[in-house]
N, C-alpha and C. Protein backbone atom coordinates (compact mmCIF):
# COMPACT_ATOMS: atom_id res chain seq x y z
N UNK A 1 -115.52 90.74 122.71
CA UNK A 1 -114.94 89.67 121.92
C UNK A 1 -113.75 89.12 122.67
N UNK A 2 -113.66 87.81 122.76
CA UNK A 2 -112.56 87.18 123.46
C UNK A 2 -111.43 86.79 122.52
N UNK A 3 -110.24 86.65 123.09
CA UNK A 3 -109.06 86.24 122.33
C UNK A 3 -108.44 85.04 123.05
N UNK A 4 -108.76 83.82 122.63
CA UNK A 4 -108.16 82.64 123.28
C UNK A 4 -106.64 82.65 123.12
N UNK A 5 -105.96 82.37 124.19
CA UNK A 5 -104.49 82.41 124.20
C UNK A 5 -103.96 81.23 125.01
N UNK A 6 -102.95 80.57 124.50
CA UNK A 6 -102.32 79.47 125.23
C UNK A 6 -101.23 80.02 126.15
N UNK A 7 -101.10 79.41 127.30
CA UNK A 7 -100.04 79.77 128.24
C UNK A 7 -98.90 78.79 128.02
N UNK A 8 -97.68 79.32 127.94
CA UNK A 8 -96.52 78.49 127.70
C UNK A 8 -95.69 78.39 128.97
N UNK A 9 -95.11 77.23 129.19
CA UNK A 9 -94.23 77.02 130.34
C UNK A 9 -92.89 76.52 129.82
N UNK A 10 -91.84 77.20 130.23
CA UNK A 10 -90.47 76.81 129.87
C UNK A 10 -89.81 76.29 131.15
N UNK A 11 -89.42 75.02 131.13
CA UNK A 11 -88.78 74.42 132.30
C UNK A 11 -87.27 74.48 132.15
N UNK A 12 -86.62 75.06 133.14
CA UNK A 12 -85.16 75.20 133.15
C UNK A 12 -84.62 74.71 134.47
N UNK A 13 -83.32 74.49 134.52
CA UNK A 13 -82.69 74.02 135.75
C UNK A 13 -82.85 75.04 136.88
N UNK A 14 -82.76 76.32 136.55
CA UNK A 14 -82.83 77.37 137.58
C UNK A 14 -84.27 77.73 137.96
N UNK A 15 -85.24 77.16 137.29
CA UNK A 15 -86.64 77.45 137.62
C UNK A 15 -87.48 77.56 136.36
N UNK A 16 -88.76 77.59 136.55
CA UNK A 16 -89.69 77.64 135.44
C UNK A 16 -90.05 79.09 135.09
N UNK A 17 -90.38 79.29 133.84
CA UNK A 17 -90.87 80.58 133.38
C UNK A 17 -92.17 80.34 132.64
N UNK A 18 -93.11 81.26 132.81
CA UNK A 18 -94.41 81.18 132.16
C UNK A 18 -94.55 82.37 131.24
N UNK A 19 -95.16 82.14 130.09
CA UNK A 19 -95.33 83.20 129.10
C UNK A 19 -96.79 83.27 128.66
N UNK A 20 -97.28 84.49 128.54
CA UNK A 20 -98.60 84.74 127.97
C UNK A 20 -98.38 85.73 126.84
N UNK A 21 -98.74 85.34 125.63
CA UNK A 21 -98.58 86.21 124.48
C UNK A 21 -99.90 86.89 124.15
N UNK A 22 -99.83 88.17 123.80
CA UNK A 22 -101.02 88.91 123.41
C UNK A 22 -101.22 88.80 121.91
N UNK A 23 -102.45 88.57 121.49
CA UNK A 23 -102.72 88.64 120.05
C UNK A 23 -102.44 90.05 119.55
N UNK A 24 -101.95 90.16 118.34
CA UNK A 24 -101.59 91.45 117.77
C UNK A 24 -102.76 92.44 117.79
N UNK A 25 -103.95 91.96 117.44
CA UNK A 25 -105.12 92.85 117.41
C UNK A 25 -105.39 93.47 118.78
N UNK A 26 -105.21 92.69 119.83
CA UNK A 26 -105.42 93.19 121.18
C UNK A 26 -104.34 94.20 121.58
N UNK A 27 -103.09 93.87 121.28
CA UNK A 27 -101.98 94.77 121.61
C UNK A 27 -102.12 96.11 120.89
N UNK A 28 -102.53 96.08 119.64
CA UNK A 28 -102.71 97.33 118.89
C UNK A 28 -103.89 98.12 119.42
N UNK A 29 -104.98 97.44 119.77
CA UNK A 29 -106.14 98.14 120.32
C UNK A 29 -105.82 98.81 121.64
N UNK A 30 -104.90 98.23 122.39
CA UNK A 30 -104.50 98.79 123.69
C UNK A 30 -103.33 99.77 123.58
N UNK A 31 -102.80 99.95 122.37
CA UNK A 31 -101.66 100.85 122.14
C UNK A 31 -100.45 100.50 122.99
N UNK A 32 -100.16 99.20 123.10
CA UNK A 32 -98.96 98.79 123.84
C UNK A 32 -97.71 99.24 123.09
N UNK A 33 -96.65 99.49 123.84
CA UNK A 33 -95.36 99.80 123.23
C UNK A 33 -94.35 98.73 123.64
N UNK A 34 -93.36 98.54 122.81
CA UNK A 34 -92.32 97.54 123.07
C UNK A 34 -91.64 97.87 124.40
N UNK A 35 -91.51 96.87 125.25
CA UNK A 35 -90.83 97.05 126.52
C UNK A 35 -91.68 97.66 127.62
N UNK A 36 -92.94 97.90 127.34
CA UNK A 36 -93.81 98.52 128.34
C UNK A 36 -93.99 97.58 129.54
N UNK A 37 -94.02 98.15 130.73
CA UNK A 37 -94.21 97.38 131.96
C UNK A 37 -95.69 97.33 132.30
N UNK A 38 -96.15 96.13 132.64
CA UNK A 38 -97.52 95.95 133.11
C UNK A 38 -97.47 95.28 134.47
N UNK A 39 -98.55 95.38 135.20
CA UNK A 39 -98.61 94.81 136.54
C UNK A 39 -99.84 93.91 136.62
N UNK A 40 -99.68 92.71 137.19
CA UNK A 40 -100.77 91.75 137.31
C UNK A 40 -101.28 91.71 138.73
N UNK A 41 -102.59 91.61 138.87
CA UNK A 41 -103.23 91.47 140.17
C UNK A 41 -104.15 90.25 140.11
N UNK A 42 -104.04 89.37 141.10
CA UNK A 42 -104.89 88.18 141.15
C UNK A 42 -106.21 88.56 141.79
N UNK A 43 -107.30 88.43 141.04
CA UNK A 43 -108.62 88.71 141.57
C UNK A 43 -109.25 87.44 142.15
N UNK A 44 -109.01 86.31 141.50
CA UNK A 44 -109.48 85.00 141.97
C UNK A 44 -108.69 83.96 141.19
N UNK A 45 -108.99 82.69 141.42
CA UNK A 45 -108.27 81.64 140.67
C UNK A 45 -108.68 81.59 139.21
N UNK A 46 -109.70 82.36 138.84
CA UNK A 46 -110.13 82.37 137.43
C UNK A 46 -110.05 83.75 136.80
N UNK A 47 -109.51 84.74 137.52
CA UNK A 47 -109.48 86.09 136.96
C UNK A 47 -108.22 86.85 137.38
N UNK A 48 -107.63 87.53 136.41
CA UNK A 48 -106.48 88.41 136.64
C UNK A 48 -106.85 89.81 136.17
N UNK A 49 -106.22 90.81 136.75
CA UNK A 49 -106.35 92.18 136.26
C UNK A 49 -104.96 92.66 135.90
N UNK A 50 -104.82 93.18 134.71
CA UNK A 50 -103.55 93.74 134.28
C UNK A 50 -103.70 95.25 134.23
N UNK A 51 -102.76 95.95 134.85
CA UNK A 51 -102.78 97.40 134.82
C UNK A 51 -101.49 97.92 134.22
N UNK A 52 -101.52 99.16 133.78
CA UNK A 52 -100.35 99.79 133.16
C UNK A 52 -99.94 100.98 134.04
N UNK A 53 -99.02 100.75 134.97
CA UNK A 53 -98.68 101.81 135.93
C UNK A 53 -98.13 103.08 135.30
N UNK A 54 -97.46 102.99 134.15
CA UNK A 54 -96.85 104.17 133.53
C UNK A 54 -97.72 104.80 132.45
N UNK A 55 -98.91 104.24 132.20
CA UNK A 55 -99.71 104.67 131.06
C UNK A 55 -100.14 106.14 131.15
N UNK A 56 -100.67 106.57 132.27
CA UNK A 56 -101.13 107.96 132.41
C UNK A 56 -99.98 108.95 132.25
N UNK A 57 -98.84 108.65 132.85
CA UNK A 57 -97.68 109.54 132.73
C UNK A 57 -97.21 109.61 131.28
N UNK A 58 -97.22 108.46 130.59
CA UNK A 58 -96.80 108.43 129.19
C UNK A 58 -97.75 109.26 128.32
N UNK A 59 -99.06 109.18 128.60
CA UNK A 59 -100.04 109.96 127.86
C UNK A 59 -99.81 111.46 128.06
N UNK A 60 -99.55 111.87 129.29
CA UNK A 60 -99.28 113.28 129.58
C UNK A 60 -98.04 113.77 128.84
N UNK A 61 -96.99 112.96 128.85
CA UNK A 61 -95.74 113.33 128.18
C UNK A 61 -95.96 113.49 126.68
N UNK A 62 -96.71 112.58 126.08
CA UNK A 62 -96.97 112.67 124.64
C UNK A 62 -97.78 113.93 124.31
N UNK A 63 -98.75 114.27 125.14
CA UNK A 63 -99.55 115.48 124.89
C UNK A 63 -98.69 116.73 124.99
N UNK A 64 -97.80 116.76 125.99
CA UNK A 64 -96.92 117.92 126.14
C UNK A 64 -95.98 118.06 124.95
N UNK A 65 -95.47 116.96 124.45
CA UNK A 65 -94.58 117.01 123.28
C UNK A 65 -95.31 117.55 122.07
N UNK A 66 -96.56 117.13 121.89
CA UNK A 66 -97.34 117.63 120.75
C UNK A 66 -97.58 119.13 120.86
N UNK A 67 -97.82 119.61 122.06
CA UNK A 67 -98.06 121.05 122.25
C UNK A 67 -96.81 121.87 121.98
N UNK A 68 -95.64 121.33 122.35
CA UNK A 68 -94.39 122.07 122.20
C UNK A 68 -93.84 122.04 120.78
N UNK A 69 -94.23 121.05 120.02
CA UNK A 69 -93.66 120.96 118.66
C UNK A 69 -94.22 122.06 117.79
N UNK A 70 -93.39 122.64 116.91
CA UNK A 70 -93.84 123.74 116.04
C UNK A 70 -94.86 123.22 115.03
N UNK A 71 -95.76 124.09 114.61
CA UNK A 71 -96.74 123.68 113.60
C UNK A 71 -96.05 123.32 112.30
N UNK A 72 -96.64 122.42 111.52
CA UNK A 72 -96.00 122.04 110.24
C UNK A 72 -95.94 123.23 109.30
N UNK A 73 -94.85 123.30 108.53
CA UNK A 73 -94.69 124.41 107.59
C UNK A 73 -95.61 124.22 106.39
N UNK A 74 -96.02 125.33 105.81
CA UNK A 74 -96.93 125.30 104.64
C UNK A 74 -96.16 125.72 103.42
N UNK A 75 -95.30 124.84 102.93
CA UNK A 75 -94.56 125.14 101.71
C UNK A 75 -95.45 124.89 100.50
N UNK A 76 -95.52 125.89 99.60
CA UNK A 76 -96.34 125.72 98.40
C UNK A 76 -95.48 125.72 97.18
């Protein structure tokens, strides 16, 4: 399923900036976090690849935290 997205251009005296916004459904499906760094690679004039350089390390860290946390208490 595709997610059509408009590209925005902000023109300033010091230079232009381009913005691509992700639809919320896509961001949630990809488990993005606020401030996460992504890297773009140009495959051709019609295709880009976005990668998440810190994703694997973040996944490992989260798994280790879950293992170290004590089991929930069973108060009755």
